ModelCIF file with pLDDT and N, C-alpha, C, O atoms, coordinates in Angstrom:
data_MODEL
#
_entry.id   MODEL 
#
_entity.id                         1 
_entity.type                       polymer 
_entity.pdbx_number_of_molecules   1 
#
_entity_poly.entity_id                      1 
_entity_poly.type                           'polypeptide(L)' 
_entity_poly.nstd_linkage                   no 
_entity_poly.nstd_monomer                   no 
_entity_poly.pdbx_seq_one_letter_code       IRALEGCEEYRLFDAVNGDLMLYERFTTRNHWQAHFDAPAIVRLKAE 
_entity_poly.pdbx_seq_one_letter_code_can   IRALEGCEEYRLFDAVNGDLMLYERFTTRNHWQAHFDAPAIVRLKAE 
_entity_poly.pdbx_strand_id                 A 
#
loop_
_entity_poly_seq.entity_id 
_entity_poly_seq.num 
_entity_poly_seq.mon_id 
_entity_poly_seq.hetero 
1 1  ILE n 
1 2  ARG n 
1 3  ALA n 
1 4  LEU n 
1 5  GLU n 
1 6  GLY n 
1 7  CYS n 
1 8  GLU n 
1 9  GLU n 
1 10 TYR n 
1 11 ARG n 
1 12 LEU n 
1 13 PHE n 
1 14 ASP n 
1 15 ALA n 
1 16 VAL n 
1 17 ASN n 
1 18 GLY n 
1 19 ASP n 
1 20 LEU n 
1 21 MET n 
1 22 LEU n 
1 23 TYR n 
1 24 GLU n 
1 25 ARG n 
1 26 PHE n 
1 27 THR n 
1 28 THR n 
1 29 ARG n 
1 30 ASN n 
1 31 HIS n 
1 32 TRP n 
1 33 GLN n 
1 34 ALA n 
1 35 HIS n 
1 36 PHE n 
1 37 ASP n 
1 38 ALA n 
1 39 PRO n 
1 40 ALA n 
1 41 ILE n 
1 42 VAL n 
1 43 ARG n 
1 44 LEU n 
1 45 LYS n 
1 46 ALA n 
1 47 GLU n 
#
_struct_asym.id          A 
_struct_asym.entity_id   1 
#
loop_
_ma_qa_metric.id 
_ma_qa_metric.mode 
_ma_qa_metric.name 
_ma_qa_metric.software_group_id 
_ma_qa_metric.type 
1 global pLDDT . pLDDT 
2 local  pLDDT . pLDDT 
#
_ma_qa_metric_global.metric_id      1 
_ma_qa_metric_global.metric_value   96.94 
_ma_qa_metric_global.model_id       1 
_ma_qa_metric_global.ordinal_id     1 
#
loop_
_ma_qa_metric_local.label_asym_id 
_ma_qa_metric_local.label_comp_id 
_ma_qa_metric_local.label_seq_id 
_ma_qa_metric_local.metric_id 
_ma_qa_metric_local.metric_value 
_ma_qa_metric_local.model_id 
_ma_qa_metric_local.ordinal_id 
A ILE 1  2 98.00 1 1  
A ARG 2  2 98.00 1 2  
A ALA 3  2 97.00 1 3  
A LEU 4  2 97.00 1 4  
A GLU 5  2 97.00 1 5  
A GLY 6  2 97.00 1 6  
A CYS 7  2 97.00 1 7  
A GLU 8  2 97.00 1 8  
A GLU 9  2 97.00 1 9  
A TYR 10 2 98.00 1 10 
A ARG 11 2 98.00 1 11 
A LEU 12 2 98.00 1 12 
A PHE 13 2 98.00 1 13 
A ASP 14 2 97.00 1 14 
A ALA 15 2 97.00 1 15 
A VAL 16 2 96.00 1 16 
A ASN 17 2 96.00 1 17 
A GLY 18 2 95.00 1 18 
A ASP 19 2 97.00 1 19 
A LEU 20 2 98.00 1 20 
A MET 21 2 98.00 1 21 
A LEU 22 2 98.00 1 22 
A TYR 23 2 98.00 1 23 
A GLU 24 2 98.00 1 24 
A ARG 25 2 98.00 1 25 
A PHE 26 2 97.00 1 26 
A THR 27 2 96.00 1 27 
A THR 28 2 95.00 1 28 
A ARG 29 2 95.00 1 29 
A ASN 30 2 96.00 1 30 
A HIS 31 2 96.00 1 31 
A TRP 32 2 96.00 1 32 
A GLN 33 2 96.00 1 33 
A ALA 34 2 96.00 1 34 
A HIS 35 2 96.00 1 35 
A PHE 36 2 96.00 1 36 
A ASP 37 2 97.00 1 37 
A ALA 38 2 97.00 1 38 
A PRO 39 2 97.00 1 39 
A ALA 40 2 97.00 1 40 
A ILE 41 2 97.00 1 41 
A VAL 42 2 98.00 1 42 
A ARG 43 2 98.00 1 43 
A LEU 44 2 97.00 1 44 
A LYS 45 2 96.00 1 45 
A ALA 46 2 97.00 1 46 
A GLU 47 2 97.00 1 47 
#
loop_
_atom_site.group_PDB 
_atom_site.id 
_atom_site.type_symbol 
_atom_site.label_atom_id 
_atom_site.label_alt_id 
_atom_site.label_comp_id 
_atom_site.label_asym_id 
_atom_site.label_entity_id 
_atom_site.label_seq_id 
_atom_site.pdbx_PDB_ins_code 
_atom_site.Cartn_x 
_atom_site.Cartn_y 
_atom_site.Cartn_z 
_atom_site.occupancy 
_atom_site.B_iso_or_equiv 
_atom_site.pdbx_formal_charge 
_atom_site.auth_seq_id 
_atom_site.auth_comp_id 
_atom_site.auth_asym_id 
_atom_site.auth_atom_id 
_atom_site.pdbx_PDB_model_num 
ATOM 1   N N  . ILE A 1 1  ? -28.473 0.451   8.657  1.00 98.00 ? 1  ILE A N  1 
ATOM 2   C CA . ILE A 1 1  ? -29.008 -0.043  9.928  1.00 98.00 ? 1  ILE A CA 1 
ATOM 3   C C  . ILE A 1 1  ? -28.706 -1.515  10.113 1.00 98.00 ? 1  ILE A C  1 
ATOM 4   O O  . ILE A 1 1  ? -28.350 -1.936  11.214 1.00 98.00 ? 1  ILE A O  1 
ATOM 5   N N  . ARG A 1 2  ? -28.841 -2.308  9.062  1.00 98.00 ? 2  ARG A N  1 
ATOM 6   C CA . ARG A 1 2  ? -28.571 -3.755  9.162  1.00 98.00 ? 2  ARG A CA 1 
ATOM 7   C C  . ARG A 1 2  ? -27.129 -4.063  9.473  1.00 98.00 ? 2  ARG A C  1 
ATOM 8   O O  . ARG A 1 2  ? -26.826 -5.146  9.974  1.00 98.00 ? 2  ARG A O  1 
ATOM 9   N N  . ALA A 1 3  ? -26.222 -3.129  9.186  1.00 97.00 ? 3  ALA A N  1 
ATOM 10  C CA . ALA A 1 3  ? -24.816 -3.332  9.447  1.00 97.00 ? 3  ALA A CA 1 
ATOM 11  C C  . ALA A 1 3  ? -24.434 -2.997  10.890 1.00 97.00 ? 3  ALA A C  1 
ATOM 12  O O  . ALA A 1 3  ? -23.283 -3.196  11.280 1.00 97.00 ? 3  ALA A O  1 
ATOM 13  N N  . LEU A 1 4  ? -25.358 -2.503  11.670 1.00 97.00 ? 4  LEU A N  1 
ATOM 14  C CA . LEU A 1 4  ? -25.056 -2.139  13.070 1.00 97.00 ? 4  LEU A CA 1 
ATOM 15  C C  . LEU A 1 4  ? -24.726 -3.353  13.886 1.00 97.00 ? 4  LEU A C  1 
ATOM 16  O O  . LEU A 1 4  ? -25.276 -4.429  13.652 1.00 97.00 ? 4  LEU A O  1 
ATOM 17  N N  . GLU A 1 5  ? -23.837 -3.204  14.840 1.00 97.00 ? 5  GLU A N  1 
ATOM 18  C CA . GLU A 1 5  ? -23.464 -4.318  15.714 1.00 97.00 ? 5  GLU A CA 1 
ATOM 19  C C  . GLU A 1 5  ? -24.712 -4.823  16.450 1.00 97.00 ? 5  GLU A C  1 
ATOM 20  O O  . GLU A 1 5  ? -25.464 -4.048  17.041 1.00 97.00 ? 5  GLU A O  1 
ATOM 21  N N  . GLY A 1 6  ? -24.904 -6.139  16.395 1.00 97.00 ? 6  GLY A N  1 
ATOM 22  C CA . GLY A 1 6  ? -26.014 -6.766  17.112 1.00 97.00 ? 6  GLY A CA 1 
ATOM 23  C C  . GLY A 1 6  ? -27.315 -6.796  16.339 1.00 97.00 ? 6  GLY A C  1 
ATOM 24  O O  . GLY A 1 6  ? -28.283 -7.405  16.793 1.00 97.00 ? 6  GLY A O  1 
ATOM 25  N N  . CYS A 1 7  ? -27.363 -6.155  15.179 1.00 97.00 ? 7  CYS A N  1 
ATOM 26  C CA . CYS A 1 7  ? -28.602 -6.173  14.374 1.00 97.00 ? 7  CYS A CA 1 
ATOM 27  C C  . CYS A 1 7  ? -28.666 -7.493  13.591 1.00 97.00 ? 7  CYS A C  1 
ATOM 28  O O  . CYS A 1 7  ? -27.849 -7.760  12.709 1.00 97.00 ? 7  CYS A O  1 
ATOM 29  N N  . GLU A 1 8  ? -29.660 -8.299  13.945 1.00 97.00 ? 8  GLU A N  1 
ATOM 30  C CA . GLU A 1 8  ? -29.825 -9.585  13.258 1.00 97.00 ? 8  GLU A CA 1 
ATOM 31  C C  . GLU A 1 8  ? -30.825 -9.468  12.102 1.00 97.00 ? 8  GLU A C  1 
ATOM 32  O O  . GLU A 1 8  ? -30.679 -10.122 11.070 1.00 97.00 ? 8  GLU A O  1 
ATOM 33  N N  . GLU A 1 9  ? -31.828 -8.634  12.294 1.00 97.00 ? 9  GLU A N  1 
ATOM 34  C CA . GLU A 1 9  ? -32.825 -8.407  11.219 1.00 97.00 ? 9  GLU A CA 1 
ATOM 35  C C  . GLU A 1 9  ? -33.401 -7.014  11.405 1.00 97.00 ? 9  GLU A C  1 
ATOM 36  O O  . GLU A 1 9  ? -33.570 -6.530  12.524 1.00 97.00 ? 9  GLU A O  1 
ATOM 37  N N  . TYR A 1 10 ? -33.695 -6.391  10.284 1.00 98.00 ? 10 TYR A N  1 
ATOM 38  C CA . TYR A 1 10 ? -34.362 -5.077  10.256 1.00 98.00 ? 10 TYR A CA 1 
ATOM 39  C C  . TYR A 1 10 ? -35.111 -5.023  8.953  1.00 98.00 ? 10 TYR A C  1 
ATOM 40  O O  . TYR A 1 10 ? -34.514 -4.802  7.900  1.00 98.00 ? 10 TYR A O  1 
ATOM 41  N N  . ARG A 1 11 ? -36.422 -5.224  9.007  1.00 98.00 ? 11 ARG A N  1 
ATOM 42  C CA . ARG A 1 11 ? -37.203 -5.405  7.799  1.00 98.00 ? 11 ARG A CA 1 
ATOM 43  C C  . ARG A 1 11 ? -38.411 -4.445  7.804  1.00 98.00 ? 11 ARG A C  1 
ATOM 44  O O  . ARG A 1 11 ? -38.977 -4.132  8.852  1.00 98.00 ? 11 ARG A O  1 
ATOM 45  N N  . LEU A 1 12 ? -38.777 -3.998  6.609  1.00 98.00 ? 12 LEU A N  1 
ATOM 46  C CA . LEU A 1 12 ? -39.935 -3.092  6.440  1.00 98.00 ? 12 LEU A CA 1 
ATOM 47  C C  . LEU A 1 12 ? -41.068 -3.856  5.791  1.00 98.00 ? 12 LEU A C  1 
ATOM 48  O O  . LEU A 1 12 ? -40.859 -4.623  4.851  1.00 98.00 ? 12 LEU A O  1 
ATOM 49  N N  . PHE A 1 13 ? -42.277 -3.640  6.301  1.00 98.00 ? 13 PHE A N  1 
ATOM 50  C CA . PHE A 1 13 ? -43.487 -4.262  5.749  1.00 98.00 ? 13 PHE A CA 1 
ATOM 51  C C  . PHE A 1 13 ? -44.543 -3.204  5.490  1.00 98.00 ? 13 PHE A C  1 
ATOM 52  O O  . PHE A 1 13 ? -44.641 -2.212  6.211  1.00 98.00 ? 13 PHE A O  1 
ATOM 53  N N  . ASP A 1 14 ? -45.335 -3.433  4.442  1.00 97.00 ? 14 ASP A N  1 
ATOM 54  C CA . ASP A 1 14 ? -46.514 -2.609  4.151  1.00 97.00 ? 14 ASP A CA 1 
ATOM 55  C C  . ASP A 1 14 ? -47.685 -3.238  4.864  1.00 97.00 ? 14 ASP A C  1 
ATOM 56  O O  . ASP A 1 14 ? -47.960 -4.420  4.655  1.00 97.00 ? 14 ASP A O  1 
ATOM 57  N N  . ALA A 1 15 ? -48.386 -2.496  5.698  1.00 97.00 ? 15 ALA A N  1 
ATOM 58  C CA . ALA A 1 15 ? -49.593 -2.990  6.349  1.00 97.00 ? 15 ALA A CA 1 
ATOM 59  C C  . ALA A 1 15 ? -50.782 -2.705  5.414  1.00 97.00 ? 15 ALA A C  1 
ATOM 60  O O  . ALA A 1 15 ? -50.764 -1.734  4.658  1.00 97.00 ? 15 ALA A O  1 
ATOM 61  N N  . VAL A 1 16 ? -51.805 -3.553  5.476  1.00 96.00 ? 16 VAL A N  1 
ATOM 62  C CA . VAL A 1 16 ? -52.919 -3.385  4.570  1.00 96.00 ? 16 VAL A CA 1 
ATOM 63  C C  . VAL A 1 16 ? -53.693 -2.092  4.808  1.00 96.00 ? 16 VAL A C  1 
ATOM 64  O O  . VAL A 1 16 ? -54.419 -1.644  3.921  1.00 96.00 ? 16 VAL A O  1 
ATOM 65  N N  . ASN A 1 17 ? -53.553 -1.483  5.984  1.00 96.00 ? 17 ASN A N  1 
ATOM 66  C CA . ASN A 1 17 ? -54.250 -0.221  6.247  1.00 96.00 ? 17 ASN A CA 1 
ATOM 67  C C  . ASN A 1 17 ? -53.473 1.005   5.835  1.00 96.00 ? 17 ASN A C  1 
ATOM 68  O O  . ASN A 1 17 ? -53.917 2.128   6.074  1.00 96.00 ? 17 ASN A O  1 
ATOM 69  N N  . GLY A 1 18 ? -52.296 0.809   5.208  1.00 95.00 ? 18 GLY A N  1 
ATOM 70  C CA . GLY A 1 18 ? -51.477 1.937   4.760  1.00 95.00 ? 18 GLY A CA 1 
ATOM 71  C C  . GLY A 1 18 ? -50.320 2.284   5.705  1.00 95.00 ? 18 GLY A C  1 
ATOM 72  O O  . GLY A 1 18 ? -49.426 3.049   5.344  1.00 95.00 ? 18 GLY A O  1 
ATOM 73  N N  . ASP A 1 19 ? -50.343 1.726   6.897  1.00 97.00 ? 19 ASP A N  1 
ATOM 74  C CA . ASP A 1 19 ? -49.237 1.940   7.814  1.00 97.00 ? 19 ASP A CA 1 
ATOM 75  C C  . ASP A 1 19 ? -48.007 1.182   7.301  1.00 97.00 ? 19 ASP A C  1 
ATOM 76  O O  . ASP A 1 19 ? -48.099 0.344   6.404  1.00 97.00 ? 19 ASP A O  1 
ATOM 77  N N  . LEU A 1 20 ? -46.868 1.501   7.893  1.00 98.00 ? 20 LEU A N  1 
ATOM 78  C CA . LEU A 1 20 ? -45.614 0.779   7.638  1.00 98.00 ? 20 LEU A CA 1 
ATOM 79  C C  . LEU A 1 20 ? -45.221 0.122   8.929  1.00 98.00 ? 20 LEU A C  1 
ATOM 80  O O  . LEU A 1 20 ? -45.382 0.698   10.005 1.00 98.00 ? 20 LEU A O  1 
ATOM 81  N N  . MET A 1 21 ? -44.704 -1.081  8.828  1.00 98.00 ? 21 MET A N  1 
ATOM 82  C CA . MET A 1 21 ? -44.305 -1.849  10.037 1.00 98.00 ? 21 MET A CA 1 
ATOM 83  C C  . MET A 1 21 ? -42.813 -2.208  9.891  1.00 98.00 ? 21 MET A C  1 
ATOM 84  O O  . MET A 1 21 ? -42.349 -2.682  8.854  1.00 98.00 ? 21 MET A O  1 
ATOM 85  N N  . LEU A 1 22 ? -42.105 -1.954  10.984 1.00 98.00 ? 22 LEU A N  1 
ATOM 86  C CA . LEU A 1 22 ? -40.714 -2.410  11.042 1.00 98.00 ? 22 LEU A CA 1 
ATOM 87  C C  . LEU A 1 22 ? -40.621 -3.598  11.962 1.00 98.00 ? 22 LEU A C  1 
ATOM 88  O O  . LEU A 1 22 ? -41.204 -3.619  13.046 1.00 98.00 ? 22 LEU A O  1 
ATOM 89  N N  . TYR A 1 23 ? -39.880 -4.585  11.515 1.00 98.00 ? 23 TYR A N  1 
ATOM 90  C CA . TYR A 1 23 ? -39.557 -5.767  12.323 1.00 98.00 ? 23 TYR A CA 1 
ATOM 91  C C  . TYR A 1 23 ? -38.063 -5.680  12.618 1.00 98.00 ? 23 TYR A C  1 
ATOM 92  O O  . TYR A 1 23 ? -37.246 -5.733  11.699 1.00 98.00 ? 23 TYR A O  1 
ATOM 93  N N  . GLU A 1 24 ? -37.702 -5.545  13.890 1.00 98.00 ? 24 GLU A N  1 
ATOM 94  C CA . GLU A 1 24 ? -36.321 -5.414  14.283 1.00 98.00 ? 24 GLU A CA 1 
ATOM 95  C C  . GLU A 1 24 ? -35.937 -6.529  15.207 1.00 98.00 ? 24 GLU A C  1 
ATOM 96  O O  . GLU A 1 24 ? -36.700 -6.887  16.105 1.00 98.00 ? 24 GLU A O  1 
ATOM 97  N N  . ARG A 1 25 ? -34.760 -7.089  15.004 1.00 98.00 ? 25 ARG A N  1 
ATOM 98  C CA . ARG A 1 25 ? -34.254 -8.147  15.932 1.00 98.00 ? 25 ARG A CA 1 
ATOM 99  C C  . ARG A 1 25 ? -32.794 -7.858  16.207 1.00 98.00 ? 25 ARG A C  1 
ATOM 100 O O  . ARG A 1 25 ? -31.965 -7.786  15.300 1.00 98.00 ? 25 ARG A O  1 
ATOM 101 N N  . PHE A 1 26 ? -32.508 -7.695  17.486 1.00 97.00 ? 26 PHE A N  1 
ATOM 102 C CA . PHE A 1 26 ? -31.136 -7.444  17.926 1.00 97.00 ? 26 PHE A CA 1 
ATOM 103 C C  . PHE A 1 26 ? -30.701 -8.543  18.871 1.00 97.00 ? 26 PHE A C  1 
ATOM 104 O O  . PHE A 1 26 ? -31.520 -9.140  19.570 1.00 97.00 ? 26 PHE A O  1 
ATOM 105 N N  . THR A 1 27 ? -29.401 -8.807  18.886 1.00 96.00 ? 27 THR A N  1 
ATOM 106 C CA . THR A 1 27 ? -28.836 -9.888  19.696 1.00 96.00 ? 27 THR A CA 1 
ATOM 107 C C  . THR A 1 27 ? -29.211 -9.717  21.177 1.00 96.00 ? 27 THR A C  1 
ATOM 108 O O  . THR A 1 27 ? -29.515 -10.692 21.864 1.00 96.00 ? 27 THR A O  1 
ATOM 109 N N  . THR A 1 28 ? -29.185 -8.482  21.652 1.00 95.00 ? 28 THR A N  1 
ATOM 110 C CA . THR A 1 28 ? -29.550 -8.214  23.056 1.00 95.00 ? 28 THR A CA 1 
ATOM 111 C C  . THR A 1 28 ? -30.315 -6.888  23.127 1.00 95.00 ? 28 THR A C  1 
ATOM 112 O O  . THR A 1 28 ? -30.341 -6.118  22.166 1.00 95.00 ? 28 THR A O  1 
ATOM 113 N N  . ARG A 1 29 ? -30.915 -6.646  24.246 1.00 95.00 ? 29 ARG A N  1 
ATOM 114 C CA . ARG A 1 29 ? -31.587 -5.342  24.459 1.00 95.00 ? 29 ARG A CA 1 
ATOM 115 C C  . ARG A 1 29 ? -30.588 -4.207  24.430 1.00 95.00 ? 29 ARG A C  1 
ATOM 116 O O  . ARG A 1 29 ? -30.904 -3.113  23.963 1.00 95.00 ? 29 ARG A O  1 
ATOM 117 N N  . ASN A 1 30 ? -29.359 -4.456  24.934 1.00 96.00 ? 30 ASN A N  1 
ATOM 118 C CA . ASN A 1 30 ? -28.329 -3.405  24.896 1.00 96.00 ? 30 ASN A CA 1 
ATOM 119 C C  . ASN A 1 30 ? -27.984 -3.017  23.467 1.00 96.00 ? 30 ASN A C  1 
ATOM 120 O O  . ASN A 1 30 ? -27.767 -1.839  23.185 1.00 96.00 ? 30 ASN A O  1 
ATOM 121 N N  . HIS A 1 31 ? -27.931 -3.977  22.573 1.00 96.00 ? 31 HIS A N  1 
ATOM 122 C CA . HIS A 1 31 ? -27.669 -3.674  21.175 1.00 96.00 ? 31 HIS A CA 1 
ATOM 123 C C  . HIS A 1 31 ? -28.826 -2.807  20.602 1.00 96.00 ? 31 HIS A C  1 
ATOM 124 O O  . HIS A 1 31 ? -28.592 -1.840  19.877 1.00 96.00 ? 31 HIS A O  1 
ATOM 125 N N  . TRP A 1 32 ? -30.057 -3.180  20.946 1.00 96.00 ? 32 TRP A N  1 
ATOM 126 C CA . TRP A 1 32 ? -31.193 -2.400  20.453 1.00 96.00 ? 32 TRP A CA 1 
ATOM 127 C C  . TRP A 1 32 ? -31.159 -0.988  20.996 1.00 96.00 ? 32 TRP A C  1 
ATOM 128 O O  . TRP A 1 32 ? -31.381 -0.038  20.245 1.00 96.00 ? 32 TRP A O  1 
ATOM 129 N N  . GLN A 1 33 ? -30.890 -0.824  22.267 1.00 96.00 ? 33 GLN A N  1 
ATOM 130 C CA . GLN A 1 33 ? -30.783 0.500   22.871 1.00 96.00 ? 33 GLN A CA 1 
ATOM 131 C C  . GLN A 1 33 ? -29.662 1.299   22.223 1.00 96.00 ? 33 GLN A C  1 
ATOM 132 O O  . GLN A 1 33 ? -29.831 2.490   21.960 1.00 96.00 ? 33 GLN A O  1 
ATOM 133 N N  . ALA A 1 34 ? -28.529 0.671   21.962 1.00 96.00 ? 34 ALA A N  1 
ATOM 134 C CA . ALA A 1 34 ? -27.387 1.378   21.365 1.00 96.00 ? 34 ALA A CA 1 
ATOM 135 C C  . ALA A 1 34 ? -27.686 1.857   19.939 1.00 96.00 ? 34 ALA A C  1 
ATOM 136 O O  . ALA A 1 34 ? -27.110 2.842   19.477 1.00 96.00 ? 34 ALA A O  1 
ATOM 137 N N  . HIS A 1 35 ? -28.570 1.169   19.259 1.00 96.00 ? 35 HIS A N  1 
ATOM 138 C CA . HIS A 1 35 ? -28.821 1.543   17.855 1.00 96.00 ? 35 HIS A CA 1 
ATOM 139 C C  . HIS A 1 35 ? -29.485 2.925   17.746 1.00 96.00 ? 35 HIS A C  1 
ATOM 140 O O  . HIS A 1 35 ? -29.425 3.542   16.683 1.00 96.00 ? 35 HIS A O  1 
ATOM 141 N N  . PHE A 1 36 ? -30.109 3.418   18.805 1.00 96.00 ? 36 PHE A N  1 
ATOM 142 C CA . PHE A 1 36 ? -30.752 4.714   18.769 1.00 96.00 ? 36 PHE A CA 1 
ATOM 143 C C  . PHE A 1 36 ? -29.707 5.847   18.565 1.00 96.00 ? 36 PHE A C  1 
ATOM 144 O O  . PHE A 1 36 ? -30.061 6.930   18.099 1.00 96.00 ? 36 PHE A O  1 
ATOM 145 N N  . ASP A 1 37 ? -28.462 5.604   18.904 1.00 97.00 ? 37 ASP A N  1 
ATOM 146 C CA . ASP A 1 37 ? -27.401 6.610   18.748 1.00 97.00 ? 37 ASP A CA 1 
ATOM 147 C C  . ASP A 1 37 ? -26.703 6.531   17.392 1.00 97.00 ? 37 ASP A C  1 
ATOM 148 O O  . ASP A 1 37 ? -25.871 7.384   17.081 1.00 97.00 ? 37 ASP A O  1 
ATOM 149 N N  . ALA A 1 38 ? -27.023 5.534   16.590 1.00 97.00 ? 38 ALA A N  1 
ATOM 150 C CA . ALA A 1 38 ? -26.398 5.384   15.267 1.00 97.00 ? 38 ALA A CA 1 
ATOM 151 C C  . ALA A 1 38 ? -26.849 6.493   14.347 1.00 97.00 ? 38 ALA A C  1 
ATOM 152 O O  . ALA A 1 38 ? -28.012 6.894   14.383 1.00 97.00 ? 38 ALA A O  1 
ATOM 153 N N  . PRO A 1 39 ? -25.924 7.007   13.501 1.00 97.00 ? 39 PRO A N  1 
ATOM 154 C CA . PRO A 1 39 ? -26.268 8.087   12.588 1.00 97.00 ? 39 PRO A CA 1 
ATOM 155 C C  . PRO A 1 39 ? -27.529 7.819   11.726 1.00 97.00 ? 39 PRO A C  1 
ATOM 156 O O  . PRO A 1 39 ? -28.335 8.721   11.501 1.00 97.00 ? 39 PRO A O  1 
ATOM 157 N N  . ALA A 1 40 ? -27.679 6.593   11.261 1.00 97.00 ? 40 ALA A N  1 
ATOM 158 C CA . ALA A 1 40 ? -28.841 6.282   10.407 1.00 97.00 ? 40 ALA A CA 1 
ATOM 159 C C  . ALA A 1 40 ? -30.149 6.426   11.174 1.00 97.00 ? 40 ALA A C  1 
ATOM 160 O O  . ALA A 1 40 ? -31.143 6.905   10.627 1.00 97.00 ? 40 ALA A O  1 
ATOM 161 N N  . ILE A 1 41 ? -30.152 6.007   12.458 1.00 97.00 ? 41 ILE A N  1 
ATOM 162 C CA . ILE A 1 41 ? -31.379 6.114   13.248 1.00 97.00 ? 41 ILE A CA 1 
ATOM 163 C C  . ILE A 1 41 ? -31.652 7.570   13.656 1.00 97.00 ? 41 ILE A C  1 
ATOM 164 O O  . ILE A 1 41 ? -32.797 8.024   13.680 1.00 97.00 ? 41 ILE A O  1 
ATOM 165 N N  . VAL A 1 42 ? -30.569 8.283   13.975 1.00 98.00 ? 42 VAL A N  1 
ATOM 166 C CA . VAL A 1 42 ? -30.726 9.709   14.304 1.00 98.00 ? 42 VAL A CA 1 
ATOM 167 C C  . VAL A 1 42 ? -31.332 10.448  13.100 1.00 98.00 ? 42 VAL A C  1 
ATOM 168 O O  . VAL A 1 42 ? -32.247 11.256  13.258 1.00 98.00 ? 42 VAL A O  1 
ATOM 169 N N  . ARG A 1 43 ? -30.816 10.166  11.905 1.00 98.00 ? 43 ARG A N  1 
ATOM 170 C CA . ARG A 1 43 ? -31.363 10.773  10.716 1.00 98.00 ? 43 ARG A CA 1 
ATOM 171 C C  . ARG A 1 43 ? -32.810 10.368  10.484 1.00 98.00 ? 43 ARG A C  1 
ATOM 172 O O  . ARG A 1 43 ? -33.651 11.207  10.163 1.00 98.00 ? 43 ARG A O  1 
ATOM 173 N N  . LEU A 1 44 ? -33.102 9.073   10.647 1.00 97.00 ? 44 LEU A N  1 
ATOM 174 C CA . LEU A 1 44 ? -34.432 8.566   10.441 1.00 97.00 ? 44 LEU A CA 1 
ATOM 175 C C  . LEU A 1 44 ? -35.417 9.297   11.360 1.00 97.00 ? 44 LEU A C  1 
ATOM 176 O O  . LEU A 1 44 ? -36.453 9.783   10.907 1.00 97.00 ? 44 LEU A O  1 
ATOM 177 N N  . LYS A 1 45 ? -35.093 9.367   12.621 1.00 96.00 ? 45 LYS A N  1 
ATOM 178 C CA . LYS A 1 45 ? -35.993 10.013  13.572 1.00 96.00 ? 45 LYS A CA 1 
ATOM 179 C C  . LYS A 1 45 ? -36.194 11.510  13.257 1.00 96.00 ? 45 LYS A C  1 
ATOM 180 O O  . LYS A 1 45 ? -37.306 12.023  13.375 1.00 96.00 ? 45 LYS A O  1 
ATOM 181 N N  . ALA A 1 46 ? -35.129 12.196  12.862 1.00 97.00 ? 46 ALA A N  1 
ATOM 182 C CA . ALA A 1 46 ? -35.205 13.611  12.541 1.00 97.00 ? 46 ALA A CA 1 
ATOM 183 C C  . ALA A 1 46 ? -36.073 13.854  11.316 1.00 97.00 ? 46 ALA A C  1 
ATOM 184 O O  . ALA A 1 46 ? -36.927 14.741  11.320 1.00 97.00 ? 46 ALA A O  1 
ATOM 185 N N  . GLU A 1 47 ? -35.857 13.073  10.275 1.00 97.00 ? 47 GLU A N  1 
ATOM 186 C CA . GLU A 1 47 ? -36.593 13.287  8.999  1.00 97.00 ? 47 GLU A CA 1 
ATOM 187 C C  . GLU A 1 47 ? -38.026 12.791  9.056  1.00 97.00 ? 47 GLU A C  1 
ATOM 188 O O  . GLU A 1 47 ? -38.758 12.902  8.073  1.00 97.00 ? 47 GLU A O  1 
#
């Protein structure tokens, strides 16, 4: 995911309540929107 075009940061955090938090930063909104079609994200959403 971090190797995707426009991905500046993609980090995982443990929340104190047991949730998991993702922090994502993309160069533009278009880069963020495009990442949804990447194989890693498609797999992540499916699994």
